[in-house]
C-alpha atoms as a PDB file:
ATOM      1  CA  MET A   1     -88.905 145.286  76.680  1.00  0.00           C
ATOM      2  CA  GLY A   2     -85.483 145.856  78.188  1.00  0.00           C
ATOM      3  CA  GLU A   3     -86.543 149.272  79.373  1.00  0.00           C
ATOM      4  CA  ILE A   4     -89.570 147.848  81.131  1.00  0.00           C
ATOM      5  CA  ILE A   5     -87.415 145.305  82.916  1.00  0.00           C
ATOM      6  CA  GLY A   6     -84.915 148.047  83.761  1.00  0.00           C
ATOM      7  CA  ILE A   7     -87.673 150.158  85.286  1.00  0.00           C
ATOM      8  CA  LYS A   8     -88.915 147.243  87.357  1.00  0.00           C
ATOM      9  CA  ILE A   9     -85.427 146.531  88.636  1.00  0.00           C
ATOM     10  CA  ASN A  10     -84.849 150.180  89.500  1.00  0.00           C
ATOM     11  CA  SER A  11     -88.220 150.322  91.233  1.00  0.00           C
ATOM     12  CA  LYS A  12     -87.408 147.196  93.252  1.00  0.00           C
ATOM     13  CA  MET A  13     -83.974 148.558  94.134  1.00  0.00           C
ATOM     14  CA  LYS A  14     -85.477 151.847  95.311  1.00  0.00           C
ATOM     15  CA  HIS A  15     -87.968 149.922  97.439  1.00  0.00           C
ATOM     16  CA  PHE A  16     -85.149 147.770  98.853  1.00  0.00           C
ATOM     17  CA  SER A  17     -82.993 150.853  99.523  1.00  0.00           C
ATOM     18  CA  SER A  18     -85.861 152.522 101.331  1.00  0.00           C
ATOM     19  CA  LYS A  19     -86.364 149.477 103.565  1.00  0.00           C
ATOM     20  CA  ALA A  20     -82.625 149.142 104.186  1.00  0.00           C
ATOM     21  CA  MET A  21     -82.359 152.819 105.121  1.00  0.00           C
ATOM     22  CA  SER A  22     -85.321 152.533 107.512  1.00  0.00           C
ATOM     23  CA  LEU A  23     -83.771 149.495 109.162  1.00  0.00           C
ATOM     24  CA  LEU A  24     -80.435 151.278 109.464  1.00  0.00           C
ATOM     25  CA  LEU A  25     -82.053 154.299 111.124  1.00  0.00           C
ATOM     26  CA  ILE A  26     -83.905 152.067 113.592  1.00  0.00           C
ATOM     27  CA  MET A  27     -80.674 150.254 114.468  1.00  0.00           C
ATOM     28  CA  ILE A  28     -78.841 153.546 115.026  1.00  0.00           C
ATOM     29  CA  ALA A  29     -81.639 154.802 117.278  1.00  0.00           C
ATOM     30  CA  LEU A  30     -81.563 151.583 119.321  1.00  0.00           C
ATOM     31  CA  MET A  31     -77.779 151.724 119.652  1.00  0.00           C
ATOM     32  CA  ALA A  32     -77.954 155.344 120.819  1.00  0.00           C
ATOM     33  CA  GLN A  33     -80.571 154.392 123.389  1.00  0.00           C
ATOM     34  CA  VAL A  34     -78.434 151.517 124.666  1.00  0.00           C
ATOM     35  CA  GLU A  35     -75.370 153.758 124.929  1.00  0.00           C
ATOM     36  CA  SER A  36     -77.300 156.445 126.770  1.00  0.00           C
ATOM     37  CA  THR A  37     -78.865 154.021 129.271  1.00  0.00           C
ATOM     38  CA  PRO A  38     -76.267 151.421 130.257  1.00  0.00           C
ATOM     39  CA  CYS A  39     -77.963 150.624 133.578  1.00  0.00           C
ATOM     40  CA  THR A  40     -76.920 147.131 134.560  1.00  0.00           C
ATOM     41  CA  SER A  41     -79.316 146.870 137.512  1.00  0.00           C
ATOM     42  CA  THR A  42     -82.844 145.604 137.274  1.00  0.00           C
ATOM     43  CA  PHE A  43     -85.590 148.088 138.065  1.00  0.00           C
ATOM     44  CA  PHE A  44     -86.237 146.396 141.407  1.00  0.00           C
ATOM     45  CA  SER A  45     -82.588 146.232 142.492  1.00  0.00           C
ATOM     46  CA  ALA A  46     -82.080 149.905 141.541  1.00  0.00           C
ATOM     47  CA  LEU A  47     -85.136 150.783 143.615  1.00  0.00           C
ATOM     48  CA  VAL A  48     -83.820 148.797 146.601  1.00  0.00           C
ATOM     49  CA  GLN A  49     -80.444 150.515 146.303  1.00  0.00           C
ATOM     50  CA  LEU A  50     -82.149 153.901 146.728  1.00  0.00           C
ATOM     51  CA  ILE A  51     -84.053 152.963 149.913  1.00  0.00           C
ATOM     52  CA  PRO A  52     -81.925 155.458 151.901  1.00  0.00           C
ATOM     53  CA  CYS A  53     -83.550 158.186 149.761  1.00  0.00           C
ATOM     54  CA  ARG A  54     -87.172 157.308 150.488  1.00  0.00           C
ATOM     55  CA  SER A  55     -87.789 160.239 152.861  1.00  0.00           C
ATOM     56  CA  ALA A  56     -86.245 162.702 150.385  1.00  0.00           C
ATOM     57  CA  VAL A  57     -88.421 161.568 147.465  1.00  0.00           C
ATOM     58  CA  ALA A  58     -91.735 161.216 149.297  1.00  0.00           C
ATOM     59  CA  PRO A  59     -94.422 163.498 147.865  1.00  0.00           C
ATOM     60  CA  PHE A  60     -94.201 167.024 149.341  1.00  0.00           C
ATOM     61  CA  SER A  61     -91.248 166.043 151.537  1.00  0.00           C
ATOM     62  CA  PRO A  62     -89.186 168.944 152.905  1.00  0.00           C
ATOM     63  CA  ILE A  63     -86.480 166.508 154.029  1.00  0.00           C
ATOM     64  CA  PRO A  64     -83.185 166.886 152.143  1.00  0.00           C
ATOM     65  CA  PRO A  65     -81.325 163.755 151.034  1.00  0.00           C
ATOM     66  CA  THR A  66     -78.990 162.291 153.626  1.00  0.00           C
ATOM     67  CA  ASP A  67     -75.341 161.456 153.044  1.00  0.00           C
ATOM     68  CA  SER A  68     -76.271 157.764 152.773  1.00  0.00           C
ATOM     69  CA  CYS A  69     -78.883 158.677 150.140  1.00  0.00           C
ATOM     70  CA  CYS A  70     -76.351 160.689 148.123  1.00  0.00           C
ATOM     71  CA  ASN A  71     -73.773 157.901 148.383  1.00  0.00           C
ATOM     72  CA  ALA A  72     -76.375 155.373 147.209  1.00  0.00           C
ATOM     73  CA  LEU A  73     -77.312 157.666 144.321  1.00  0.00           C
ATOM     74  CA  LYS A  74     -73.686 158.071 143.248  1.00  0.00           C
ATOM     75  CA  ALA A  75     -73.169 154.289 143.420  1.00  0.00           C
ATOM     76  CA  LEU A  76     -76.330 153.673 141.418  1.00  0.00           C
ATOM     77  CA  GLY A  77     -75.432 156.157 138.687  1.00  0.00           C
ATOM     78  CA  GLN A  78     -77.385 158.447 136.407  1.00  0.00           C
ATOM     79  CA  PRO A  79     -78.542 155.815 133.890  1.00  0.00           C
ATOM     80  CA  CYS A  80     -80.216 153.706 136.583  1.00  0.00           C
ATOM     81  CA  LEU A  81     -81.774 156.767 138.210  1.00  0.00           C
ATOM     82  CA  CYS A  82     -83.279 157.625 134.827  1.00  0.00           C
ATOM     83  CA  VAL A  83     -84.630 154.084 134.525  1.00  0.00           C
ATOM     84  CA  LEU A  84     -86.389 154.571 137.876  1.00  0.00           C
ATOM     85  CA  VAL A  85     -87.662 158.043 137.019  1.00  0.00           C
ATOM     86  CA  ASN A  86     -89.054 156.808 133.699  1.00  0.00           C
ATOM     87  CA  GLY A  87     -90.202 153.408 134.934  1.00  0.00           C
ATOM     88  CA  PRO A  88     -93.557 152.318 136.267  1.00  0.00           C
ATOM     89  CA  PRO A  89     -95.134 154.389 139.057  1.00  0.00           C
ATOM     90  CA  ILE A  90     -93.709 153.740 142.511  1.00  0.00           C
ATOM     91  CA  ALA A  91     -96.010 154.185 145.499  1.00  0.00           C
ATOM     92  CA  GLY A  92     -94.738 156.896 147.833  1.00  0.00           C
ATOM     93  CA  VAL A  93     -92.200 158.275 145.339  1.00  0.00           C
ATOM     94  CA  ASP A  94     -92.554 161.647 143.651  1.00  0.00           C
ATOM     95  CA  ARG A  95     -90.767 161.377 140.288  1.00  0.00           C
ATOM     96  CA  SER A  96     -90.037 165.089 140.264  1.00  0.00           C
ATOM     97  CA  MET A  97     -88.376 164.834 143.676  1.00  0.00           C
ATOM     98  CA  ALA A  98     -86.390 161.799 142.525  1.00  0.00           C
ATOM     99  CA  SER A  99     -85.166 163.613 139.421  1.00  0.00           C
ATOM    100  CA  GLN A 100     -83.943 166.480 141.660  1.00  0.00           C
ATOM    101  CA  LEU A 101     -81.720 164.194 143.752  1.00  0.00           C
ATOM    102  CA  PRO A 102     -78.587 164.708 141.622  1.00  0.00           C
ATOM    103  CA  ASP A 103     -78.746 168.490 142.140  1.00  0.00           C
ATOM    104  CA  LYS A 104     -79.467 168.139 145.846  1.00  0.00           C
ATOM    105  CA  CYS A 105     -76.607 165.642 146.221  1.00  0.00           C
ATOM    106  CA  THR A 106     -74.291 167.778 144.070  1.00  0.00           C
ATOM    107  CA  THR A 107     -73.512 164.992 141.633  1.00  0.00           C
ATOM    108  CA  ASP A 108     -72.457 165.741 138.080  1.00  0.00           C
ATOM    109  CA  PHE A 109     -75.243 163.686 136.503  1.00  0.00           C
ATOM    110  CA  GLU A 110     -76.860 164.823 133.294  1.00  0.00           C
ATOM    111  CA  PRO A 111     -80.589 165.454 133.737  1.00  0.00           C
ATOM    112  CA  CYS A 112     -82.830 162.499 132.968  1.00  0.00           C
ATOM    113  CA  GLU A 113     -84.843 162.737 129.804  1.00  0.00           C
ATOM    114  CA  ILE A 114     -88.400 162.321 131.032  1.00  0.00           C
ATOM    115  CA  ILE A 115     -90.351 159.998 128.754  1.00  0.00           C
END
């Protein structure tokens, strides 16, 4: 009888360990996501901050970003740009063009991970 109880306890502990490990992995993933996207602006305020870039990110636009656009981009930061690039669709904004702004403005931003 003791062996049967021992097996049940071990089985329950394995089940508990499996759940605990899953929870731990989820928490680590969430923490990594938070660290990689510390944008403190709301989606709307980040969008408003990049208004000087609207002609440079319009679909099929040959217009390069202006100095005011590049300054706004640098002030906004890479994490908030990535929030915009990966956020809901924005009328009149080509996401591909927006994701090219850091290169065109010669900033040292890491590329956005497109979701």
